[in-house]
N, C-alpha and C. Protein backbone atom coordinates (compact mmCIF):
# COMPACT_ATOMS: atom_id res chain seq x y z
N MET A 1 82.46 151.68 72.21
CA MET A 1 83.25 150.01 71.53
C MET A 1 84.51 150.79 70.95
N PRO A 2 85.72 149.77 71.12
CA PRO A 2 86.99 150.76 70.67
C PRO A 2 86.72 150.28 69.17
N ILE A 3 87.72 151.51 68.26
CA ILE A 3 88.03 151.26 67.12
C ILE A 3 89.37 151.14 66.55
N ASN A 4 89.34 149.77 65.99
CA ASN A 4 90.80 149.47 65.18
C ASN A 4 91.19 149.49 63.98
N GLY A 5 92.35 149.91 63.80
CA GLY A 5 92.20 149.59 62.19
C GLY A 5 93.74 148.59 62.39
N VAL A 6 93.53 147.83 61.53
CA VAL A 6 94.25 146.61 61.21
C VAL A 6 94.45 146.36 59.67
N ILE A 7 96.76 146.47 59.96
CA ILE A 7 96.73 146.29 58.88
C ILE A 7 97.53 145.03 58.30
N LEU A 8 97.37 144.50 57.18
CA LEU A 8 97.87 143.20 57.12
C LEU A 8 98.77 143.39 55.87
N VAL A 9 100.22 142.68 56.54
CA VAL A 9 101.32 143.25 55.70
C VAL A 9 102.25 141.98 56.06
N ALA A 10 101.75 140.44 56.44
CA ALA A 10 102.53 139.38 56.46
C ALA A 10 103.05 138.74 54.88
N GLY A 11 102.34 139.38 54.28
CA GLY A 11 102.56 138.01 52.62
C GLY A 11 104.42 138.67 52.40
N GLU A 12 105.13 137.82 51.46
CA GLU A 12 106.21 138.20 50.71
C GLU A 12 106.34 138.56 49.34
N GLY A 13 104.93 139.16 48.90
CA GLY A 13 105.47 140.34 47.83
C GLY A 13 106.18 139.72 46.56
N THR A 14 105.65 138.22 46.41
CA THR A 14 106.27 137.35 45.33
C THR A 14 106.28 138.04 44.09
N ARG A 15 104.87 138.75 43.69
CA ARG A 15 105.29 139.28 42.40
C ARG A 15 106.22 140.31 42.22
N LEU A 16 106.77 140.88 42.82
CA LEU A 16 107.63 142.04 42.84
C LEU A 16 109.12 142.05 42.85
N ARG A 17 109.25 140.54 43.28
CA ARG A 17 110.59 140.20 43.31
C ARG A 17 111.65 140.62 42.02
N PRO A 18 112.93 141.08 42.14
CA PRO A 18 113.67 140.83 43.36
C PRO A 18 113.49 141.98 44.46
N LEU A 19 112.84 143.10 43.85
CA LEU A 19 112.78 144.00 44.99
C LEU A 19 112.42 143.66 46.48
N THR A 20 111.14 142.58 46.44
CA THR A 20 110.85 142.64 47.72
C THR A 20 111.54 140.92 48.19
N TYR A 21 112.81 140.99 48.08
CA TYR A 21 113.52 139.99 48.92
C TYR A 21 114.00 140.73 49.82
N THR A 22 114.06 142.38 49.76
CA THR A 22 115.00 143.41 50.75
C THR A 22 113.98 144.23 51.58
N LEU A 23 112.99 144.38 50.79
CA LEU A 23 111.87 145.38 50.80
C LEU A 23 110.48 144.77 50.76
N PRO A 24 109.63 144.89 51.77
CA PRO A 24 108.44 144.45 51.72
C PRO A 24 107.82 145.27 50.92
N LYS A 25 106.66 144.93 49.91
CA LYS A 25 106.02 145.91 48.95
C LYS A 25 105.47 147.14 49.80
N PRO A 26 104.87 146.80 50.85
CA PRO A 26 103.87 147.93 51.67
C PRO A 26 104.66 149.11 51.86
N LEU A 27 106.29 149.05 51.77
CA LEU A 27 107.36 150.04 51.99
C LEU A 27 107.90 150.31 51.09
N ILE A 28 107.44 150.22 49.86
CA ILE A 28 108.35 150.63 48.94
C ILE A 28 107.85 152.23 48.55
N PRO A 29 108.22 153.21 48.38
CA PRO A 29 107.87 154.42 47.79
C PRO A 29 107.57 154.29 46.72
N ILE A 30 106.40 154.83 46.09
CA ILE A 30 105.72 154.89 44.56
C ILE A 30 105.99 155.95 43.98
N MET A 31 106.62 155.90 42.67
CA MET A 31 107.25 157.31 42.06
C MET A 31 107.36 158.61 43.21
N GLY A 32 108.41 158.50 44.23
CA GLY A 32 108.70 159.63 44.79
C GLY A 32 107.51 160.06 46.18
N LYS A 33 106.60 159.17 46.29
CA LYS A 33 105.85 159.41 47.15
C LYS A 33 105.80 158.32 48.35
N PRO A 34 105.11 158.69 49.38
CA PRO A 34 105.32 158.24 50.38
C PRO A 34 104.78 156.45 50.61
N PRO A 35 105.05 155.17 50.90
CA PRO A 35 105.06 153.61 50.72
C PRO A 35 103.46 153.75 51.54
N LEU A 36 102.89 152.52 50.70
CA LEU A 36 101.35 152.50 50.72
C LEU A 36 101.04 152.16 52.27
N VAL A 37 101.81 151.88 53.15
CA VAL A 37 101.41 151.24 54.48
C VAL A 37 101.21 152.71 55.38
N THR A 38 102.16 153.60 54.76
CA THR A 38 102.18 155.41 55.24
C THR A 38 100.98 155.43 54.68
N ARG A 39 100.43 155.58 53.50
CA ARG A 39 99.02 156.18 53.08
C ARG A 39 97.89 155.69 53.97
N ILE A 40 97.99 154.24 53.86
CA ILE A 40 97.17 153.30 54.74
C ILE A 40 96.77 154.28 56.08
N ILE A 41 97.63 154.34 56.65
CA ILE A 41 97.69 154.79 58.09
C ILE A 41 97.29 156.48 57.82
N GLU A 42 97.55 156.71 57.12
CA GLU A 42 97.02 158.53 57.37
C GLU A 42 95.71 158.49 56.90
N GLY A 43 95.06 157.30 56.03
CA GLY A 43 93.50 157.62 55.65
C GLY A 43 92.60 157.07 57.26
N LEU A 44 93.57 156.05 57.82
CA LEU A 44 92.76 155.66 59.50
C LEU A 44 92.71 156.92 60.36
N MET A 45 93.91 157.92 59.98
CA MET A 45 94.25 158.99 60.78
C MET A 45 92.77 159.68 60.66
N SER A 46 92.84 159.92 59.19
CA SER A 46 91.54 161.27 58.81
C SER A 46 90.45 161.07 59.43
N ASN A 47 90.50 159.09 59.45
CA ASN A 47 88.48 159.10 59.81
C ASN A 47 88.81 158.72 61.36
N GLY A 48 89.88 159.01 62.20
CA GLY A 48 89.50 159.75 63.50
C GLY A 48 89.93 157.94 64.30
N ILE A 49 90.87 157.36 63.38
CA ILE A 49 90.80 156.04 64.15
C ILE A 49 93.05 155.94 64.17
N SER A 50 92.95 155.87 65.49
CA SER A 50 94.66 156.16 65.82
C SER A 50 95.04 154.73 66.59
N ASN A 51 94.03 154.12 66.96
CA ASN A 51 94.69 152.76 67.57
C ASN A 51 94.84 151.71 66.31
N ILE A 52 96.36 151.45 66.12
CA ILE A 52 96.38 150.36 64.76
C ILE A 52 97.14 149.67 65.33
N TYR A 53 96.88 148.24 64.44
CA TYR A 53 97.41 147.03 64.84
C TYR A 53 98.03 146.43 63.47
N VAL A 54 99.36 146.46 63.45
CA VAL A 54 100.19 146.15 62.02
C VAL A 54 100.30 144.68 62.06
N VAL A 55 100.26 143.56 61.14
CA VAL A 55 100.42 142.31 61.28
C VAL A 55 101.49 141.95 60.19
N VAL A 56 102.60 141.55 61.21
CA VAL A 56 103.79 141.51 60.02
C VAL A 56 104.14 139.60 60.40
N GLY A 57 104.72 139.36 59.31
CA GLY A 57 105.77 138.46 58.66
C GLY A 57 106.57 138.43 58.11
N HIS A 58 107.24 138.26 56.93
CA HIS A 58 108.12 138.65 56.40
C HIS A 58 108.76 139.73 56.66
N LEU A 59 110.23 139.67 56.92
CA LEU A 59 110.78 141.15 56.88
C LEU A 59 110.26 142.42 57.72
N GLY A 60 109.72 141.26 58.55
CA GLY A 60 109.09 142.28 59.83
C GLY A 60 109.35 143.08 60.63
N PHE A 61 110.46 143.26 60.91
CA PHE A 61 111.56 144.19 61.86
C PHE A 61 111.71 145.18 61.17
N LEU A 62 111.36 145.39 59.38
CA LEU A 62 111.35 146.65 58.66
C LEU A 62 110.44 147.62 58.90
N PHE A 63 108.98 146.82 59.33
CA PHE A 63 108.03 147.86 59.77
C PHE A 63 107.98 148.51 60.87
N ARG A 64 108.76 147.78 61.73
CA ARG A 64 108.83 148.45 63.26
C ARG A 64 109.83 149.27 63.24
N GLN A 65 111.24 149.20 62.03
CA GLN A 65 112.09 150.14 62.08
C GLN A 65 111.47 151.47 61.50
N ALA A 66 110.69 151.07 60.58
CA ALA A 66 109.94 152.37 59.79
C ALA A 66 108.85 153.03 60.48
N LEU A 67 108.15 152.38 61.25
CA LEU A 67 106.70 152.69 61.62
C LEU A 67 107.16 153.24 63.10
N GLY A 68 107.81 152.08 63.57
CA GLY A 68 108.09 152.53 65.55
C GLY A 68 106.55 152.42 66.08
N ASP A 69 106.55 153.08 67.38
CA ASP A 69 104.88 152.94 67.82
C ASP A 69 104.26 153.92 67.28
N GLY A 70 104.34 154.53 66.31
CA GLY A 70 103.51 155.52 65.48
C GLY A 70 103.53 156.89 66.42
N SER A 71 104.29 157.03 67.19
CA SER A 71 104.06 158.16 67.71
C SER A 71 104.40 159.55 66.85
N GLY A 72 105.08 159.14 65.95
CA GLY A 72 105.78 159.91 65.20
C GLY A 72 104.67 160.53 64.39
N MET A 73 103.79 159.85 64.20
CA MET A 73 102.64 159.88 62.86
C MET A 73 101.49 160.30 63.78
N GLY A 74 101.37 160.46 65.20
CA GLY A 74 99.98 160.66 65.80
C GLY A 74 98.85 159.28 66.29
N VAL A 75 99.86 158.35 65.87
CA VAL A 75 99.02 157.21 66.57
C VAL A 75 99.59 156.07 66.84
N SER A 76 98.88 155.46 67.35
CA SER A 76 99.77 154.28 68.64
C SER A 76 99.27 152.89 67.36
N ILE A 77 100.83 152.47 67.20
CA ILE A 77 100.80 151.33 66.61
C ILE A 77 101.44 150.15 67.63
N LYS A 78 100.46 148.59 67.27
CA LYS A 78 101.18 147.53 68.11
C LYS A 78 101.10 146.84 66.86
N TYR A 79 102.36 145.29 67.08
CA TYR A 79 102.25 144.54 66.40
C TYR A 79 101.81 143.15 66.85
N ALA A 80 101.70 142.77 65.78
CA ALA A 80 100.98 141.05 65.84
C ALA A 80 101.78 140.46 64.89
N GLU A 81 102.59 139.09 64.96
CA GLU A 81 103.00 138.28 64.34
C GLU A 81 102.65 137.40 63.86
N GLN A 82 102.54 137.33 62.64
CA GLN A 82 102.22 136.15 61.83
C GLN A 82 103.08 134.90 61.31
N ARG A 83 104.00 134.13 61.91
CA ARG A 83 105.59 133.31 61.85
C ARG A 83 105.08 132.45 60.35
N GLU A 84 103.52 132.30 60.11
CA GLU A 84 103.59 131.03 59.57
C GLU A 84 102.56 131.95 58.74
N ARG A 85 102.38 131.64 56.85
CA ARG A 85 101.22 131.89 55.84
C ARG A 85 100.28 131.32 56.02
N LEU A 86 99.59 131.43 56.89
CA LEU A 86 98.14 130.96 57.49
C LEU A 86 97.07 131.77 56.63
N GLY A 87 96.93 132.66 56.10
CA GLY A 87 95.66 133.31 55.65
C GLY A 87 95.34 134.46 56.09
N ILE A 88 94.18 135.24 55.60
CA ILE A 88 94.07 136.18 56.13
C ILE A 88 93.16 136.45 57.15
N ALA A 89 92.45 135.20 57.28
CA ALA A 89 91.38 135.01 58.49
C ALA A 89 92.27 135.05 59.67
N HIS A 90 93.43 134.29 59.27
CA HIS A 90 94.44 133.85 60.75
C HIS A 90 95.24 134.90 60.97
N ALA A 91 95.69 135.58 59.98
CA ALA A 91 96.17 137.39 60.22
C ALA A 91 95.42 138.15 61.37
N ILE A 92 93.92 138.22 60.57
CA ILE A 92 93.08 138.96 61.50
C ILE A 92 92.89 138.71 63.31
N HIS A 93 92.77 137.21 63.29
CA HIS A 93 92.56 136.69 64.30
C HIS A 93 93.81 136.74 65.43
N ARG A 94 95.23 137.13 64.85
CA ARG A 94 96.37 137.71 65.24
C ARG A 94 96.63 138.72 66.10
N ALA A 95 95.62 139.70 65.19
CA ALA A 95 95.49 141.00 65.87
C ALA A 95 94.46 140.94 66.80
N ILE A 96 93.52 140.31 66.85
CA ILE A 96 92.88 140.50 67.95
C ILE A 96 93.03 139.61 69.46
N GLU A 97 93.99 138.35 69.14
CA GLU A 97 94.65 138.11 70.34
C GLU A 97 95.73 138.95 70.78
N GLU A 98 96.29 140.20 70.02
CA GLU A 98 97.47 141.07 70.74
C GLU A 98 96.33 141.96 71.09
N GLY A 99 95.24 142.04 71.52
CA GLY A 99 94.57 143.42 71.71
C GLY A 99 93.34 144.26 70.70
N ALA A 100 93.23 143.82 69.47
CA ALA A 100 92.47 144.79 68.85
C ALA A 100 90.99 143.94 69.30
N ASP A 101 90.27 144.93 70.22
CA ASP A 101 88.75 144.66 70.38
C ASP A 101 87.83 145.94 70.27
N GLY A 102 86.95 145.49 69.41
CA GLY A 102 85.20 146.23 69.07
C GLY A 102 85.49 145.88 67.37
N GLU A 103 85.54 147.31 67.21
CA GLU A 103 85.07 147.57 65.61
C GLU A 103 87.02 147.25 64.75
N LEU A 104 86.52 146.46 64.01
CA LEU A 104 88.14 146.30 63.27
C LEU A 104 87.68 147.09 61.90
N ILE A 105 88.85 147.38 61.79
CA ILE A 105 88.60 148.29 60.01
C ILE A 105 89.92 147.61 59.34
N VAL A 106 90.10 146.57 58.80
CA VAL A 106 90.84 145.33 58.31
C VAL A 106 91.26 145.82 56.42
N HIS A 107 92.81 146.47 56.73
CA HIS A 107 93.00 146.73 55.64
C HIS A 107 94.40 146.18 54.64
N LEU A 108 94.56 145.39 53.59
CA LEU A 108 95.29 144.81 52.99
C LEU A 108 96.51 145.77 52.92
N GLY A 109 97.70 145.72 53.13
CA GLY A 109 98.66 146.42 53.34
C GLY A 109 99.68 146.69 51.66
N ASP A 110 98.97 146.12 51.11
CA ASP A 110 99.48 146.29 49.57
C ASP A 110 98.28 147.11 48.40
N ASN A 111 97.54 147.20 48.88
CA ASN A 111 95.93 147.77 48.25
C ASN A 111 96.01 149.32 48.20
N TYR A 112 95.50 150.24 47.77
CA TYR A 112 95.28 151.74 47.71
C TYR A 112 93.80 152.08 47.06
N PHE A 113 92.78 152.60 47.90
CA PHE A 113 91.62 152.90 47.00
C PHE A 113 91.44 154.49 46.93
N GLY A 114 92.85 154.87 46.63
CA GLY A 114 93.04 156.60 46.05
C GLY A 114 92.37 157.78 47.38
N GLU A 115 92.53 158.88 47.24
CA GLU A 115 92.36 159.85 47.87
C GLU A 115 91.13 159.88 48.09
N GLY A 116 90.22 159.83 49.65
CA GLY A 116 88.82 159.83 49.95
C GLY A 116 88.14 158.33 49.77
N GLY A 117 88.97 157.25 49.28
CA GLY A 117 88.40 156.28 49.18
C GLY A 117 87.84 155.33 50.34
N LEU A 118 88.56 155.36 51.12
CA LEU A 118 88.78 154.93 52.32
C LEU A 118 87.90 155.81 53.68
N ASP A 119 87.64 156.85 52.99
CA ASP A 119 86.84 158.00 53.67
C ASP A 119 85.17 156.96 53.75
N ARG A 120 85.03 157.08 52.31
CA ARG A 120 83.62 156.89 51.90
C ARG A 120 82.99 155.56 52.55
N PHE A 121 84.00 154.23 52.15
CA PHE A 121 83.49 153.19 52.69
C PHE A 121 82.97 153.00 54.63
N ILE A 122 83.88 153.93 55.23
CA ILE A 122 84.05 154.01 56.54
C ILE A 122 82.78 154.36 56.88
N ARG A 123 82.66 155.76 56.57
CA ARG A 123 81.31 156.76 56.39
C ARG A 123 79.93 155.84 56.13
N GLU A 124 80.32 155.25 55.48
CA GLU A 124 78.71 154.32 54.56
C GLU A 124 78.82 152.91 55.92
N PHE A 125 79.66 152.53 56.36
CA PHE A 125 79.67 151.39 57.37
C PHE A 125 78.79 152.32 58.44
N ARG A 126 79.62 153.24 59.06
CA ARG A 126 79.03 154.00 60.12
C ARG A 126 77.86 154.44 60.02
N GLU A 127 77.41 154.55 59.15
CA GLU A 127 76.05 155.46 58.88
C GLU A 127 74.99 153.94 58.76
N GLY A 128 75.30 152.50 58.20
CA GLY A 128 74.05 151.96 58.02
C GLY A 128 74.55 151.08 59.84
N ASP A 129 73.41 150.38 59.69
CA ASP A 129 73.78 149.37 60.87
C ASP A 129 74.09 147.71 60.54
N TYR A 130 75.57 147.19 60.18
CA TYR A 130 75.69 146.65 59.81
C TYR A 130 77.14 145.84 60.55
N ASP A 131 76.90 144.70 60.49
CA ASP A 131 78.03 143.69 60.78
C ASP A 131 79.12 143.81 60.38
N VAL A 132 79.11 143.59 59.09
CA VAL A 132 80.26 143.38 57.81
C VAL A 132 79.86 144.36 57.27
N TYR A 133 81.31 145.01 56.86
CA TYR A 133 81.16 145.48 55.14
C TYR A 133 82.54 145.23 54.31
N VAL A 134 82.02 144.43 53.25
CA VAL A 134 83.12 144.16 52.17
C VAL A 134 82.84 145.04 50.84
N VAL A 135 84.50 145.76 50.41
CA VAL A 135 84.19 146.02 49.30
C VAL A 135 84.66 145.16 48.32
N LEU A 136 84.00 145.24 47.08
CA LEU A 136 84.12 144.45 45.90
C LEU A 136 84.46 145.31 44.48
N THR A 137 84.98 144.75 43.80
CA THR A 137 85.46 145.37 42.57
C THR A 137 85.05 144.30 41.23
N ARG A 138 85.13 144.58 39.96
CA ARG A 138 85.66 143.67 38.72
C ARG A 138 86.91 143.88 38.93
N HIS A 139 86.88 142.18 38.38
CA HIS A 139 88.61 142.07 37.45
C HIS A 139 88.67 141.06 36.46
N LYS A 140 89.95 141.46 35.61
CA LYS A 140 89.97 140.57 34.32
C LYS A 140 89.93 139.11 34.96
N ASP A 141 90.55 138.79 35.52
CA ASP A 141 91.48 137.71 36.24
C ASP A 141 90.45 137.16 37.48
N PRO A 142 89.40 137.00 37.85
CA PRO A 142 88.85 136.98 38.92
C PRO A 142 89.47 135.26 39.63
N THR A 143 90.27 134.57 38.96
CA THR A 143 90.74 133.53 39.56
C THR A 143 91.92 133.65 40.83
N ARG A 144 92.61 134.77 40.87
CA ARG A 144 93.33 135.60 41.62
C ARG A 144 92.64 135.99 42.84
N PHE A 145 91.47 136.03 42.89
CA PHE A 145 90.82 136.22 44.63
C PHE A 145 89.92 135.68 44.70
N GLY A 146 89.48 136.44 46.11
CA GLY A 146 88.08 135.26 46.33
C GLY A 146 87.26 136.00 45.48
N ASN A 147 86.27 135.32 45.24
CA ASN A 147 84.90 135.73 44.37
C ASN A 147 83.42 135.80 44.93
N ALA A 148 82.56 136.71 45.09
CA ALA A 148 81.20 136.59 45.92
C ALA A 148 80.31 136.39 44.36
N VAL A 149 79.66 135.75 44.47
CA VAL A 149 78.25 135.19 44.16
C VAL A 149 77.03 136.09 44.42
N ILE A 150 76.51 137.35 43.97
CA ILE A 150 75.47 138.46 44.29
C ILE A 150 74.35 137.49 43.79
N LYS A 151 73.59 138.04 44.76
CA LYS A 151 71.92 137.77 44.35
C LYS A 151 70.94 138.60 45.04
N ASP A 152 70.25 139.70 43.95
CA ASP A 152 68.95 140.51 44.59
C ASP A 152 70.24 141.32 45.58
N GLY A 153 70.99 141.76 45.09
CA GLY A 153 72.11 142.85 45.87
C GLY A 153 72.61 142.51 46.88
N LYS A 154 72.69 141.11 47.09
CA LYS A 154 73.28 140.47 48.23
C LYS A 154 74.36 139.51 47.78
N ILE A 155 75.63 139.34 48.91
CA ILE A 155 76.46 138.07 48.62
C ILE A 155 75.63 137.52 49.48
N VAL A 156 75.97 136.25 48.50
CA VAL A 156 75.12 134.45 49.35
C VAL A 156 76.21 133.52 49.21
N LYS A 157 76.91 133.36 48.43
CA LYS A 157 78.40 133.14 48.95
C LYS A 157 79.45 133.66 48.03
N LEU A 158 80.38 132.89 48.69
CA LEU A 158 82.28 133.23 48.47
C LEU A 158 82.97 132.20 48.35
N ILE A 159 83.54 132.08 47.41
CA ILE A 159 84.37 131.17 46.76
C ILE A 159 85.77 131.54 47.12
N GLU A 160 86.55 131.21 47.45
CA GLU A 160 88.01 131.46 47.31
C GLU A 160 89.07 130.99 46.03
N LYS A 161 89.41 131.93 45.27
CA LYS A 161 90.42 132.02 43.71
C LYS A 161 90.12 130.48 43.15
N PRO A 162 88.76 130.57 42.65
CA PRO A 162 87.99 129.14 41.96
C PRO A 162 88.50 129.40 40.73
N ARG A 163 89.05 128.13 40.24
CA ARG A 163 89.61 127.33 38.54
C ARG A 163 88.78 128.05 38.04
N GLU A 164 86.88 128.06 38.62
CA GLU A 164 86.21 128.28 37.01
C GLU A 164 85.15 129.47 38.04
N PRO A 165 85.35 130.79 37.78
CA PRO A 165 84.95 131.80 38.32
C PRO A 165 83.08 131.65 38.37
N PRO A 166 82.46 132.02 38.90
CA PRO A 166 80.73 131.80 38.68
C PRO A 166 80.92 133.25 37.50
N PRO A 167 79.64 133.03 36.91
CA PRO A 167 79.51 133.60 36.07
C PRO A 167 79.34 135.49 36.54
N ASN A 168 79.23 136.45 36.01
CA ASN A 168 79.63 138.01 36.51
C ASN A 168 79.97 138.20 37.79
N SER A 169 80.91 137.62 38.29
CA SER A 169 81.60 137.54 39.78
C SER A 169 82.55 138.54 39.73
N PHE A 170 82.08 139.11 41.07
CA PHE A 170 83.13 140.07 41.81
C PHE A 170 83.79 139.80 42.47
N VAL A 171 84.97 140.58 42.44
CA VAL A 171 85.96 139.50 43.63
C VAL A 171 86.28 140.63 44.84
N MET A 172 87.08 140.11 45.56
CA MET A 172 86.83 141.19 47.18
C MET A 172 88.16 141.66 46.73
N THR A 173 88.61 143.50 47.26
CA THR A 173 89.36 143.92 47.12
C THR A 173 90.55 144.05 48.20
N GLY A 174 90.28 143.48 49.84
CA GLY A 174 91.29 143.67 50.73
C GLY A 174 90.83 144.74 51.82
N LEU A 175 89.79 145.38 51.73
CA LEU A 175 88.96 146.27 52.51
C LEU A 175 87.73 145.29 53.15
N TYR A 176 87.87 145.39 54.65
CA TYR A 176 86.66 144.59 55.61
C TYR A 176 86.69 145.26 56.84
N ILE A 177 85.57 145.31 57.17
CA ILE A 177 84.78 146.51 58.70
C ILE A 177 83.95 145.68 59.13
N PHE A 178 84.55 144.72 60.32
CA PHE A 178 83.48 144.35 61.21
C PHE A 178 83.33 144.89 62.43
N LYS A 179 82.09 144.98 62.86
CA LYS A 179 81.04 145.77 63.98
C LYS A 179 82.10 145.22 65.25
N ASP A 180 82.17 143.45 65.43
CA ASP A 180 82.67 143.24 66.38
C ASP A 180 83.50 142.07 66.58
N SER A 181 85.10 142.08 67.08
CA SER A 181 85.74 141.67 67.05
C SER A 181 85.31 140.19 67.50
N SER A 182 84.44 140.04 68.78
CA SER A 182 83.87 138.64 69.26
C SER A 182 82.90 137.82 68.22
N ASP A 183 82.69 138.58 67.10
CA ASP A 183 81.89 137.53 65.70
C ASP A 183 83.51 137.20 65.27
N VAL A 184 83.51 137.69 64.81
CA VAL A 184 84.96 137.36 64.53
C VAL A 184 85.93 136.41 64.85
N GLU A 185 86.26 136.44 66.33
CA GLU A 185 86.48 135.01 67.08
C GLU A 185 85.71 133.97 66.45
N ARG A 186 84.30 134.30 66.73
CA ARG A 186 83.03 133.09 66.73
C ARG A 186 83.31 132.60 65.45
N ALA A 187 83.74 133.32 64.85
CA ALA A 187 83.64 132.67 63.09
C ALA A 187 85.13 132.17 62.94
N PHE A 188 86.41 133.09 63.52
CA PHE A 188 87.01 131.94 63.08
C PHE A 188 87.55 130.49 63.92
N SER A 189 86.60 129.99 65.17
CA SER A 189 86.94 129.07 65.78
C SER A 189 86.33 128.06 64.93
N THR A 190 85.54 128.81 63.99
CA THR A 190 84.29 127.06 63.19
C THR A 190 85.40 127.24 62.17
N LEU A 191 86.42 127.68 61.53
CA LEU A 191 87.38 127.64 60.30
C LEU A 191 88.35 126.59 60.27
N LYS A 192 88.51 125.94 59.25
CA LYS A 192 89.59 124.97 59.14
C LYS A 192 90.44 125.14 58.09
N PRO A 193 91.51 124.74 58.02
CA PRO A 193 92.43 125.16 56.89
C PRO A 193 92.04 124.69 55.77
N SER A 194 92.31 125.49 54.47
CA SER A 194 91.68 125.07 53.53
C SER A 194 92.14 124.03 52.74
N ALA A 195 91.95 123.23 51.76
CA ALA A 195 92.49 122.24 50.70
C ALA A 195 93.40 122.96 49.78
N ARG A 196 93.03 124.21 49.24
CA ARG A 196 93.95 125.20 48.66
C ARG A 196 95.32 125.30 48.76
N GLY A 197 95.43 125.93 50.33
CA GLY A 197 96.43 125.94 50.58
C GLY A 197 97.36 126.00 51.85
N GLY A 198 96.20 125.35 52.74
CA GLY A 198 96.24 124.76 54.25
C GLY A 198 96.10 125.96 54.76
N GLU A 199 95.25 127.49 54.38
CA GLU A 199 95.25 128.53 55.24
C GLU A 199 94.17 128.90 55.64
N TYR A 200 93.65 129.56 56.35
CA TYR A 200 92.11 129.90 57.09
C TYR A 200 91.88 131.23 55.96
N GLU A 201 90.47 130.88 55.27
CA GLU A 201 90.18 131.76 53.96
C GLU A 201 89.27 132.75 55.13
N ILE A 202 90.01 134.39 54.38
CA ILE A 202 88.70 135.22 54.76
C ILE A 202 87.05 135.01 53.94
N THR A 203 87.29 134.29 52.70
CA THR A 203 85.80 134.19 52.16
C THR A 203 85.05 132.94 52.85
N ASP A 204 86.05 131.95 53.84
CA ASP A 204 85.24 131.37 54.99
C ASP A 204 84.67 132.14 56.19
N LEU A 205 85.85 133.00 56.53
CA LEU A 205 85.56 133.79 57.72
C LEU A 205 84.09 134.59 57.54
N ILE A 206 84.19 135.32 56.82
CA ILE A 206 82.76 135.88 56.48
C ILE A 206 81.91 135.19 55.85
N GLN A 207 81.83 133.70 55.47
CA GLN A 207 81.05 133.46 54.60
C GLN A 207 79.74 132.73 56.36
N TRP A 208 80.58 132.77 57.43
CA TRP A 208 80.15 132.42 58.83
C TRP A 208 79.20 133.65 58.73
N PHE A 209 79.47 134.51 58.94
CA PHE A 209 78.72 135.71 59.08
C PHE A 209 77.36 135.68 57.91
N ILE A 210 77.11 135.38 56.42
CA ILE A 210 76.15 135.13 56.05
C ILE A 210 75.36 133.90 56.52
N ASP A 211 76.09 132.98 56.56
CA ASP A 211 75.14 131.54 57.27
C ASP A 211 74.83 131.87 58.41
N ASN A 212 74.44 133.46 59.47
CA ASN A 212 74.48 133.33 60.31
C ASN A 212 73.61 134.52 60.77
N GLY A 213 72.99 134.70 59.49
CA GLY A 213 72.15 135.82 59.34
C GLY A 213 72.61 137.41 60.05
N LYS A 214 73.72 137.39 59.52
CA LYS A 214 74.61 138.68 60.09
C LYS A 214 74.03 139.84 58.74
N ARG A 215 74.51 141.17 59.28
CA ARG A 215 74.26 142.30 58.39
C ARG A 215 74.95 141.99 57.53
N LEU A 216 75.33 142.32 56.60
CA LEU A 216 76.40 142.63 55.51
C LEU A 216 75.90 143.43 54.17
N VAL A 217 77.19 144.54 54.23
CA VAL A 217 76.93 144.99 52.89
C VAL A 217 77.81 145.36 52.13
N THR A 218 77.58 145.23 51.00
CA THR A 218 78.64 145.17 49.84
C THR A 218 78.88 146.24 48.89
N ARG A 219 80.02 146.79 48.83
CA ARG A 219 79.93 148.26 47.95
C ARG A 219 81.62 147.79 46.59
């Protein structure tokens, strides 16, 4: 089955304005080092993933200018456009519509897990027999993220940006691995835009896997 990296960079980076009025956050160099999107691609490459889809929106032409078709980095990059801000689940759906078929390693373009972090997560996913792999962490302000309710070491419920987070909640970090894009499309077909902002939420997408007895692991 094909393996695809899916990098989501369609956001507007509002918290970094005015910088992001003219340059998307994933393309901003950090302390003289390559921007986040370049580091993410390098992390995927180091795990043998050369087929990459970049989902663009705000200032998307700048990613095409910076990355091209990926040949300069030794990968193949295709682009999917998300013209409206319809959520992470919709962005993943757009990548699938443009040809991302099989295993999907979905990475938010403004996150970075440090040297070797991505390697560990991909290795654990491949060594297990999972349908979904979700990376969680603690955060001082869980209202800004999707929250996971954990029971007996398993996610039982996901809540998107709750006003009152559940006790001892973990938050989703922005790395999701799916074994089969067909399951993702089945899940997406059941979703409706959320009341929160009219978006197709990643929490609702993964909740479908939980509710349908799929094999899900968290780290």
